[in-house]
Amino acid sequence: SGRTFSNAGMGWFRQAPGKEREFVAGINWNGGLTYY
């Protein structure tokens, strides 16, 4: 929600019990770049 979504990259992270949060996947603001 909010007006500033489309100008920012987004990322997915995960955290398993007893472990630190880790990067899973990211996408840049316009969807043209991804990283896993």
ModelCIF file with pLDDT and N, C-alpha, C, O atoms, coordinates in Angstrom:
data_MODEL
#
_entry.id   MODEL 
#
_entity.id                         1 
_entity.type                       polymer 
_entity.pdbx_number_of_molecules   1 
#
_entity_poly.entity_id                      1 
_entity_poly.type                           'polypeptide(L)' 
_entity_poly.nstd_linkage                   no 
_entity_poly.nstd_monomer                   no 
_entity_poly.pdbx_seq_one_letter_code       SGRTFSNAGMGWFRQAPGKEREFVAGINWNGGLTYY 
_entity_poly.pdbx_seq_one_letter_code_can   SGRTFSNAGMGWFRQAPGKEREFVAGINWNGGLTYY 
_entity_poly.pdbx_strand_id                 A 
#
loop_
_entity_poly_seq.entity_id 
_entity_poly_seq.num 
_entity_poly_seq.mon_id 
_entity_poly_seq.hetero 
1 1  SER n 
1 2  GLY n 
1 3  ARG n 
1 4  THR n 
1 5  PHE n 
1 6  SER n 
1 7  ASN n 
1 8  ALA n 
1 9  GLY n 
1 10 MET n 
1 11 GLY n 
1 12 TRP n 
1 13 PHE n 
1 14 ARG n 
1 15 GLN n 
1 16 ALA n 
1 17 PRO n 
1 18 GLY n 
1 19 LYS n 
1 20 GLU n 
1 21 ARG n 
1 22 GLU n 
1 23 PHE n 
1 24 VAL n 
1 25 ALA n 
1 26 GLY n 
1 27 ILE n 
1 28 ASN n 
1 29 TRP n 
1 30 ASN n 
1 31 GLY n 
1 32 GLY n 
1 33 LEU n 
1 34 THR n 
1 35 TYR n 
1 36 TYR n 
#
_struct_asym.id          A 
_struct_asym.entity_id   1 
#
loop_
_ma_qa_metric.id 
_ma_qa_metric.mode 
_ma_qa_metric.name 
_ma_qa_metric.software_group_id 
_ma_qa_metric.type 
1 global pLDDT . pLDDT 
2 local  pLDDT . pLDDT 
#
_ma_qa_metric_global.metric_id      1 
_ma_qa_metric_global.metric_value   93.94 
_ma_qa_metric_global.model_id       1 
_ma_qa_metric_global.ordinal_id     1 
#
loop_
_ma_qa_metric_local.label_asym_id 
_ma_qa_metric_local.label_comp_id 
_ma_qa_metric_local.label_seq_id 
_ma_qa_metric_local.metric_id 
_ma_qa_metric_local.metric_value 
_ma_qa_metric_local.model_id 
_ma_qa_metric_local.ordinal_id 
A SER 1  2 91.00 1 1  
A GLY 2  2 76.00 1 2  
A ARG 3  2 72.00 1 3  
A THR 4  2 76.00 1 4  
A PHE 5  2 84.00 1 5  
A SER 6  2 88.00 1 6  
A ASN 7  2 92.00 1 7  
A ALA 8  2 93.00 1 8  
A GLY 9  2 96.00 1 9  
A MET 10 2 97.00 1 10 
A GLY 11 2 98.00 1 11 
A TRP 12 2 98.00 1 12 
A PHE 13 2 98.00 1 13 
A ARG 14 2 98.00 1 14 
A GLN 15 2 98.00 1 15 
A ALA 16 2 97.00 1 16 
A PRO 17 2 93.00 1 17 
A GLY 18 2 95.00 1 18 
A LYS 19 2 96.00 1 19 
A GLU 20 2 96.00 1 20 
A ARG 21 2 97.00 1 21 
A GLU 22 2 98.00 1 22 
A PHE 23 2 98.00 1 23 
A VAL 24 2 98.00 1 24 
A ALA 25 2 98.00 1 25 
A GLY 26 2 98.00 1 26 
A ILE 27 2 98.00 1 27 
A ASN 28 2 97.00 1 28 
A TRP 29 2 95.00 1 29 
A ASN 30 2 93.00 1 30 
A GLY 31 2 94.00 1 31 
A GLY 32 2 95.00 1 32 
A LEU 33 2 97.00 1 33 
A THR 34 2 98.00 1 34 
A TYR 35 2 98.00 1 35 
A TYR 36 2 98.00 1 36 
#
loop_
_atom_site.group_PDB 
_atom_site.id 
_atom_site.type_symbol 
_atom_site.label_atom_id 
_atom_site.label_alt_id 
_atom_site.label_comp_id 
_atom_site.label_asym_id 
_atom_site.label_entity_id 
_atom_site.label_seq_id 
_atom_site.pdbx_PDB_ins_code 
_atom_site.Cartn_x 
_atom_site.Cartn_y 
_atom_site.Cartn_z 
_atom_site.occupancy 
_atom_site.B_iso_or_equiv 
_atom_site.pdbx_formal_charge 
_atom_site.auth_seq_id 
_atom_site.auth_comp_id 
_atom_site.auth_asym_id 
_atom_site.auth_atom_id 
_atom_site.pdbx_PDB_model_num 
ATOM 1   N N  . SER A 1 1  ? 0.857  -1.181  0.000   1.00 91.00 ? 1  SER A N  1 
ATOM 2   C CA . SER A 1 1  ? 0.000  0.000   0.000   1.00 91.00 ? 1  SER A CA 1 
ATOM 3   C C  . SER A 1 1  ? 0.894  1.232   0.000   1.00 91.00 ? 1  SER A C  1 
ATOM 4   O O  . SER A 1 1  ? 2.020  1.196   0.496   1.00 91.00 ? 1  SER A O  1 
ATOM 5   N N  . GLY A 1 2  ? 0.384  2.311   -0.558  1.00 76.00 ? 2  GLY A N  1 
ATOM 6   C CA . GLY A 1 2  ? 1.194  3.520   -0.599  1.00 76.00 ? 2  GLY A CA 1 
ATOM 7   C C  . GLY A 1 2  ? 1.626  3.862   -2.004  1.00 76.00 ? 2  GLY A C  1 
ATOM 8   O O  . GLY A 1 2  ? 1.530  3.036   -2.912  1.00 76.00 ? 2  GLY A O  1 
ATOM 9   N N  . ARG A 1 3  ? 2.097  5.066   -2.182  1.00 72.00 ? 3  ARG A N  1 
ATOM 10  C CA . ARG A 1 3  ? 2.388  5.583   -3.512  1.00 72.00 ? 3  ARG A CA 1 
ATOM 11  C C  . ARG A 1 3  ? 3.813  5.340   -3.974  1.00 72.00 ? 3  ARG A C  1 
ATOM 12  O O  . ARG A 1 3  ? 4.129  5.624   -5.130  1.00 72.00 ? 3  ARG A O  1 
ATOM 13  N N  . THR A 1 4  ? 4.679  4.829   -3.124  1.00 76.00 ? 4  THR A N  1 
ATOM 14  C CA . THR A 1 4  ? 6.089  4.746   -3.475  1.00 76.00 ? 4  THR A CA 1 
ATOM 15  C C  . THR A 1 4  ? 6.522  3.336   -3.855  1.00 76.00 ? 4  THR A C  1 
ATOM 16  O O  . THR A 1 4  ? 7.712  3.023   -3.813  1.00 76.00 ? 4  THR A O  1 
ATOM 17  N N  . PHE A 1 5  ? 5.591  2.498   -4.218  1.00 84.00 ? 5  PHE A N  1 
ATOM 18  C CA . PHE A 1 5  ? 5.935  1.122   -4.553  1.00 84.00 ? 5  PHE A CA 1 
ATOM 19  C C  . PHE A 1 5  ? 6.682  1.036   -5.873  1.00 84.00 ? 5  PHE A C  1 
ATOM 20  O O  . PHE A 1 5  ? 7.730  0.396   -5.948  1.00 84.00 ? 5  PHE A O  1 
ATOM 21  N N  . SER A 1 6  ? 6.164  1.666   -6.907  1.00 88.00 ? 6  SER A N  1 
ATOM 22  C CA . SER A 1 6  ? 6.670  1.428   -8.260  1.00 88.00 ? 6  SER A CA 1 
ATOM 23  C C  . SER A 1 6  ? 8.042  2.029   -8.518  1.00 88.00 ? 6  SER A C  1 
ATOM 24  O O  . SER A 1 6  ? 8.625  1.756   -9.567  1.00 88.00 ? 6  SER A O  1 
ATOM 25  N N  . ASN A 1 7  ? 8.582  2.833   -7.615  1.00 92.00 ? 7  ASN A N  1 
ATOM 26  C CA . ASN A 1 7  ? 9.899  3.419   -7.849  1.00 92.00 ? 7  ASN A CA 1 
ATOM 27  C C  . ASN A 1 7  ? 10.997 2.733   -7.044  1.00 92.00 ? 7  ASN A C  1 
ATOM 28  O O  . ASN A 1 7  ? 12.115 3.241   -6.953  1.00 92.00 ? 7  ASN A O  1 
ATOM 29  N N  . ALA A 1 8  ? 10.680 1.581   -6.463  1.00 93.00 ? 8  ALA A N  1 
ATOM 30  C CA . ALA A 1 8  ? 11.653 0.922   -5.598  1.00 93.00 ? 8  ALA A CA 1 
ATOM 31  C C  . ALA A 1 8  ? 11.769 -0.563  -5.904  1.00 93.00 ? 8  ALA A C  1 
ATOM 32  O O  . ALA A 1 8  ? 10.792 -1.226  -6.249  1.00 93.00 ? 8  ALA A O  1 
ATOM 33  N N  . GLY A 1 9  ? 12.980 -1.059  -5.768  1.00 96.00 ? 9  GLY A N  1 
ATOM 34  C CA . GLY A 1 9  ? 13.162 -2.499  -5.851  1.00 96.00 ? 9  GLY A CA 1 
ATOM 35  C C  . GLY A 1 9  ? 12.505 -3.198  -4.677  1.00 96.00 ? 9  GLY A C  1 
ATOM 36  O O  . GLY A 1 9  ? 12.244 -2.597  -3.635  1.00 96.00 ? 9  GLY A O  1 
ATOM 37  N N  . MET A 1 10 ? 12.245 -4.477  -4.869  1.00 97.00 ? 10 MET A N  1 
ATOM 38  C CA . MET A 1 10 ? 11.621 -5.283  -3.825  1.00 97.00 ? 10 MET A CA 1 
ATOM 39  C C  . MET A 1 10 ? 12.415 -6.565  -3.646  1.00 97.00 ? 10 MET A C  1 
ATOM 40  O O  . MET A 1 10 ? 13.041 -7.062  -4.583  1.00 97.00 ? 10 MET A O  1 
ATOM 41  N N  . GLY A 1 11 ? 12.382 -7.082  -2.454  1.00 98.00 ? 11 GLY A N  1 
ATOM 42  C CA . GLY A 1 11 ? 13.134 -8.303  -2.199  1.00 98.00 ? 11 GLY A CA 1 
ATOM 43  C C  . GLY A 1 11 ? 12.379 -9.264  -1.310  1.00 98.00 ? 11 GLY A C  1 
ATOM 44  O O  . GLY A 1 11 ? 11.540 -8.869  -0.500  1.00 98.00 ? 11 GLY A O  1 
ATOM 45  N N  . TRP A 1 12 ? 12.693 -10.523 -1.480  1.00 98.00 ? 12 TRP A N  1 
ATOM 46  C CA . TRP A 1 12 ? 12.187 -11.570 -0.593  1.00 98.00 ? 12 TRP A CA 1 
ATOM 47  C C  . TRP A 1 12 ? 13.357 -12.097 0.228   1.00 98.00 ? 12 TRP A C  1 
ATOM 48  O O  . TRP A 1 12 ? 14.435 -12.369 -0.300  1.00 98.00 ? 12 TRP A O  1 
ATOM 49  N N  . PHE A 1 13 ? 13.122 -12.235 1.523   1.00 98.00 ? 13 PHE A N  1 
ATOM 50  C CA . PHE A 1 13 ? 14.078 -12.809 2.438   1.00 98.00 ? 13 PHE A CA 1 
ATOM 51  C C  . PHE A 1 13 ? 13.386 -13.926 3.210   1.00 98.00 ? 13 PHE A C  1 
ATOM 52  O O  . PHE A 1 13 ? 12.159 -14.030 3.195   1.00 98.00 ? 13 PHE A O  1 
ATOM 53  N N  . ARG A 1 14 ? 14.165 -14.753 3.876   1.00 98.00 ? 14 ARG A N  1 
ATOM 54  C CA . ARG A 1 14 ? 13.580 -15.806 4.704   1.00 98.00 ? 14 ARG A CA 1 
ATOM 55  C C  . ARG A 1 14 ? 14.406 -15.992 5.961   1.00 98.00 ? 14 ARG A C  1 
ATOM 56  O O  . ARG A 1 14 ? 15.601 -15.698 6.004   1.00 98.00 ? 14 ARG A O  1 
ATOM 57  N N  . GLN A 1 15 ? 13.730 -16.487 6.976   1.00 98.00 ? 15 GLN A N  1 
ATOM 58  C CA . GLN A 1 15 ? 14.405 -16.748 8.243   1.00 98.00 ? 15 GLN A CA 1 
ATOM 59  C C  . GLN A 1 15 ? 13.902 -18.062 8.815   1.00 98.00 ? 15 GLN A C  1 
ATOM 60  O O  . GLN A 1 15 ? 12.721 -18.216 9.124   1.00 98.00 ? 15 GLN A O  1 
ATOM 61  N N  . ALA A 1 16 ? 14.819 -18.996 8.949   1.00 97.00 ? 16 ALA A N  1 
ATOM 62  C CA . ALA A 1 16 ? 14.518 -20.284 9.555   1.00 97.00 ? 16 ALA A CA 1 
ATOM 63  C C  . ALA A 1 16 ? 14.803 -20.206 11.056  1.00 97.00 ? 16 ALA A C  1 
ATOM 64  O O  . ALA A 1 16 ? 15.577 -19.353 11.491  1.00 97.00 ? 16 ALA A O  1 
ATOM 65  N N  . PRO A 1 17 ? 14.193 -21.077 11.841  1.00 93.00 ? 17 PRO A N  1 
ATOM 66  C CA . PRO A 1 17 ? 14.426 -21.057 13.291  1.00 93.00 ? 17 PRO A CA 1 
ATOM 67  C C  . PRO A 1 17 ? 15.909 -21.171 13.628  1.00 93.00 ? 17 PRO A C  1 
ATOM 68  O O  . PRO A 1 17 ? 16.606 -22.055 13.130  1.00 93.00 ? 17 PRO A O  1 
ATOM 69  N N  . GLY A 1 18 ? 16.374 -20.270 14.473  1.00 95.00 ? 18 GLY A N  1 
ATOM 70  C CA . GLY A 1 18 ? 17.752 -20.301 14.905  1.00 95.00 ? 18 GLY A CA 1 
ATOM 71  C C  . GLY A 1 18 ? 18.751 -19.758 13.908  1.00 95.00 ? 18 GLY A C  1 
ATOM 72  O O  . GLY A 1 18 ? 19.957 -19.800 14.150  1.00 95.00 ? 18 GLY A O  1 
ATOM 73  N N  . LYS A 1 19 ? 18.262 -19.248 12.791  1.00 96.00 ? 19 LYS A N  1 
ATOM 74  C CA . LYS A 1 19 ? 19.158 -18.730 11.758  1.00 96.00 ? 19 LYS A CA 1 
ATOM 75  C C  . LYS A 1 19 ? 18.866 -17.260 11.491  1.00 96.00 ? 19 LYS A C  1 
ATOM 76  O O  . LYS A 1 19 ? 17.801 -16.749 11.836  1.00 96.00 ? 19 LYS A O  1 
ATOM 77  N N  . GLU A 1 20 ? 19.832 -16.594 10.872  1.00 96.00 ? 20 GLU A N  1 
ATOM 78  C CA . GLU A 1 20 ? 19.641 -15.207 10.517  1.00 96.00 ? 20 GLU A CA 1 
ATOM 79  C C  . GLU A 1 20 ? 18.785 -15.090 9.252   1.00 96.00 ? 20 GLU A C  1 
ATOM 80  O O  . GLU A 1 20 ? 18.689 -16.021 8.452   1.00 96.00 ? 20 GLU A O  1 
ATOM 81  N N  . ARG A 1 21 ? 18.177 -13.931 9.103   1.00 97.00 ? 21 ARG A N  1 
ATOM 82  C CA . ARG A 1 21 ? 17.406 -13.671 7.896   1.00 97.00 ? 21 ARG A CA 1 
ATOM 83  C C  . ARG A 1 21 ? 18.360 -13.646 6.705   1.00 97.00 ? 21 ARG A C  1 
ATOM 84  O O  . ARG A 1 21 ? 19.433 -13.046 6.771   1.00 97.00 ? 21 ARG A O  1 
ATOM 85  N N  . GLU A 1 22 ? 17.960 -14.304 5.614   1.00 98.00 ? 22 GLU A N  1 
ATOM 86  C CA . GLU A 1 22 ? 18.809 -14.373 4.440   1.00 98.00 ? 22 GLU A CA 1 
ATOM 87  C C  . GLU A 1 22 ? 18.067 -13.938 3.187   1.00 98.00 ? 22 GLU A C  1 
ATOM 88  O O  . GLU A 1 22 ? 16.853 -14.101 3.061   1.00 98.00 ? 22 GLU A O  1 
ATOM 89  N N  . PHE A 1 23 ? 18.834 -13.383 2.273   1.00 98.00 ? 23 PHE A N  1 
ATOM 90  C CA . PHE A 1 23 ? 18.293 -12.947 0.995   1.00 98.00 ? 23 PHE A CA 1 
ATOM 91  C C  . PHE A 1 23 ? 17.876 -14.151 0.163   1.00 98.00 ? 23 PHE A C  1 
ATOM 92  O O  . PHE A 1 23 ? 18.571 -15.166 0.126   1.00 98.00 ? 23 PHE A O  1 
ATOM 93  N N  . VAL A 1 24 ? 16.737 -14.027 -0.500  1.00 98.00 ? 24 VAL A N  1 
ATOM 94  C CA . VAL A 1 24 ? 16.245 -15.087 -1.384  1.00 98.00 ? 24 VAL A CA 1 
ATOM 95  C C  . VAL A 1 24 ? 16.227 -14.610 -2.838  1.00 98.00 ? 24 VAL A C  1 
ATOM 96  O O  . VAL A 1 24 ? 16.798 -15.251 -3.720  1.00 98.00 ? 24 VAL A O  1 
ATOM 97  N N  . ALA A 1 25 ? 15.561 -13.476 -3.073  1.00 98.00 ? 25 ALA A N  1 
ATOM 98  C CA . ALA A 1 25 ? 15.427 -12.970 -4.437  1.00 98.00 ? 25 ALA A CA 1 
ATOM 99  C C  . ALA A 1 25 ? 15.086 -11.495 -4.394  1.00 98.00 ? 25 ALA A C  1 
ATOM 100 O O  . ALA A 1 25 ? 14.464 -11.011 -3.448  1.00 98.00 ? 25 ALA A O  1 
ATOM 101 N N  . GLY A 1 26 ? 15.507 -10.783 -5.440  1.00 98.00 ? 26 GLY A N  1 
ATOM 102 C CA . GLY A 1 26 ? 15.198 -9.370  -5.529  1.00 98.00 ? 26 GLY A CA 1 
ATOM 103 C C  . GLY A 1 26 ? 14.879 -8.970  -6.951  1.00 98.00 ? 26 GLY A C  1 
ATOM 104 O O  . GLY A 1 26 ? 15.285 -9.634  -7.905  1.00 98.00 ? 26 GLY A O  1 
ATOM 105 N N  . ILE A 1 27 ? 14.153 -7.885  -7.081  1.00 98.00 ? 27 ILE A N  1 
ATOM 106 C CA . ILE A 1 27 ? 13.768 -7.383  -8.395  1.00 98.00 ? 27 ILE A CA 1 
ATOM 107 C C  . ILE A 1 27 ? 13.864 -5.867  -8.357  1.00 98.00 ? 27 ILE A C  1 
ATOM 108 O O  . ILE A 1 27 ? 13.503 -5.241  -7.361  1.00 98.00 ? 27 ILE A O  1 
ATOM 109 N N  . ASN A 1 28 ? 14.352 -5.278  -9.444  1.00 97.00 ? 28 ASN A N  1 
ATOM 110 C CA . ASN A 1 28 ? 14.518 -3.838  -9.418  1.00 97.00 ? 28 ASN A CA 1 
ATOM 111 C C  . ASN A 1 28 ? 13.170 -3.137  -9.640  1.00 97.00 ? 28 ASN A C  1 
ATOM 112 O O  . ASN A 1 28 ? 12.139 -3.790  -9.806  1.00 97.00 ? 28 ASN A O  1 
ATOM 113 N N  . TRP A 1 29 ? 13.198 -1.806  -9.640  1.00 95.00 ? 29 TRP A N  1 
ATOM 114 C CA . TRP A 1 29 ? 11.961 -1.042  -9.578  1.00 95.00 ? 29 TRP A CA 1 
ATOM 115 C C  . TRP A 1 29 ? 11.041 -1.269  -10.767 1.00 95.00 ? 29 TRP A C  1 
ATOM 116 O O  . TRP A 1 29 ? 9.820  -1.216  -10.615 1.00 95.00 ? 29 TRP A O  1 
ATOM 117 N N  . ASN A 1 30 ? 11.601 -1.522  -11.956 1.00 93.00 ? 30 ASN A N  1 
ATOM 118 C CA . ASN A 1 30 ? 10.736 -1.686  -13.126 1.00 93.00 ? 30 ASN A CA 1 
ATOM 119 C C  . ASN A 1 30 ? 10.615 -3.139  -13.570 1.00 93.00 ? 30 ASN A C  1 
ATOM 120 O O  . ASN A 1 30 ? 10.003 -3.424  -14.599 1.00 93.00 ? 30 ASN A O  1 
ATOM 121 N N  . GLY A 1 31 ? 11.184 -4.044  -12.813 1.00 94.00 ? 31 GLY A N  1 
ATOM 122 C CA . GLY A 1 31 ? 11.071 -5.463  -13.138 1.00 94.00 ? 31 GLY A CA 1 
ATOM 123 C C  . GLY A 1 31 ? 12.058 -5.950  -14.176 1.00 94.00 ? 31 GLY A C  1 
ATOM 124 O O  . GLY A 1 31 ? 12.008 -7.112  -14.580 1.00 94.00 ? 31 GLY A O  1 
ATOM 125 N N  . GLY A 1 32 ? 12.953 -5.086  -14.615 1.00 95.00 ? 32 GLY A N  1 
ATOM 126 C CA . GLY A 1 32 ? 13.881 -5.467  -15.655 1.00 95.00 ? 32 GLY A CA 1 
ATOM 127 C C  . GLY A 1 32 ? 15.080 -6.268  -15.179 1.00 95.00 ? 32 GLY A C  1 
ATOM 128 O O  . GLY A 1 32 ? 15.768 -6.899  -15.982 1.00 95.00 ? 32 GLY A O  1 
ATOM 129 N N  . LEU A 1 33 ? 15.329 -6.247  -13.900 1.00 97.00 ? 33 LEU A N  1 
ATOM 130 C CA . LEU A 1 33 ? 16.471 -6.973  -13.335 1.00 97.00 ? 33 LEU A CA 1 
ATOM 131 C C  . LEU A 1 33 ? 16.008 -7.833  -12.169 1.00 97.00 ? 33 LEU A C  1 
ATOM 132 O O  . LEU A 1 33 ? 15.193 -7.408  -11.350 1.00 97.00 ? 33 LEU A O  1 
ATOM 133 N N  . THR A 1 34 ? 16.536 -9.036  -12.106 1.00 98.00 ? 34 THR A N  1 
ATOM 134 C CA . THR A 1 34 ? 16.278 -9.907  -10.973 1.00 98.00 ? 34 THR A CA 1 
ATOM 135 C C  . THR A 1 34 ? 17.598 -10.518 -10.513 1.00 98.00 ? 34 THR A C  1 
ATOM 136 O O  . THR A 1 34 ? 18.572 -10.590 -11.263 1.00 98.00 ? 34 THR A O  1 
ATOM 137 N N  . TYR A 1 35 ? 17.595 -10.954 -9.258  1.00 98.00 ? 35 TYR A N  1 
ATOM 138 C CA . TYR A 1 35 ? 18.797 -11.572 -8.694  1.00 98.00 ? 35 TYR A CA 1 
ATOM 139 C C  . TYR A 1 35 ? 18.360 -12.574 -7.653  1.00 98.00 ? 35 TYR A C  1 
ATOM 140 O O  . TYR A 1 35 ? 17.427 -12.328 -6.888  1.00 98.00 ? 35 TYR A O  1 
ATOM 141 N N  . TYR A 1 36 ? 19.057 -13.737 -7.626  1.00 98.00 ? 36 TYR A N  1 
ATOM 142 C CA . TYR A 1 36 ? 18.643 -14.826 -6.749  1.00 98.00 ? 36 TYR A CA 1 
ATOM 143 C C  . TYR A 1 36 ? 19.815 -15.337 -5.914  1.00 98.00 ? 36 TYR A C  1 
ATOM 144 O O  . TYR A 1 36 ? 19.649 -16.258 -5.115  1.00 98.00 ? 36 TYR A O  1 
#
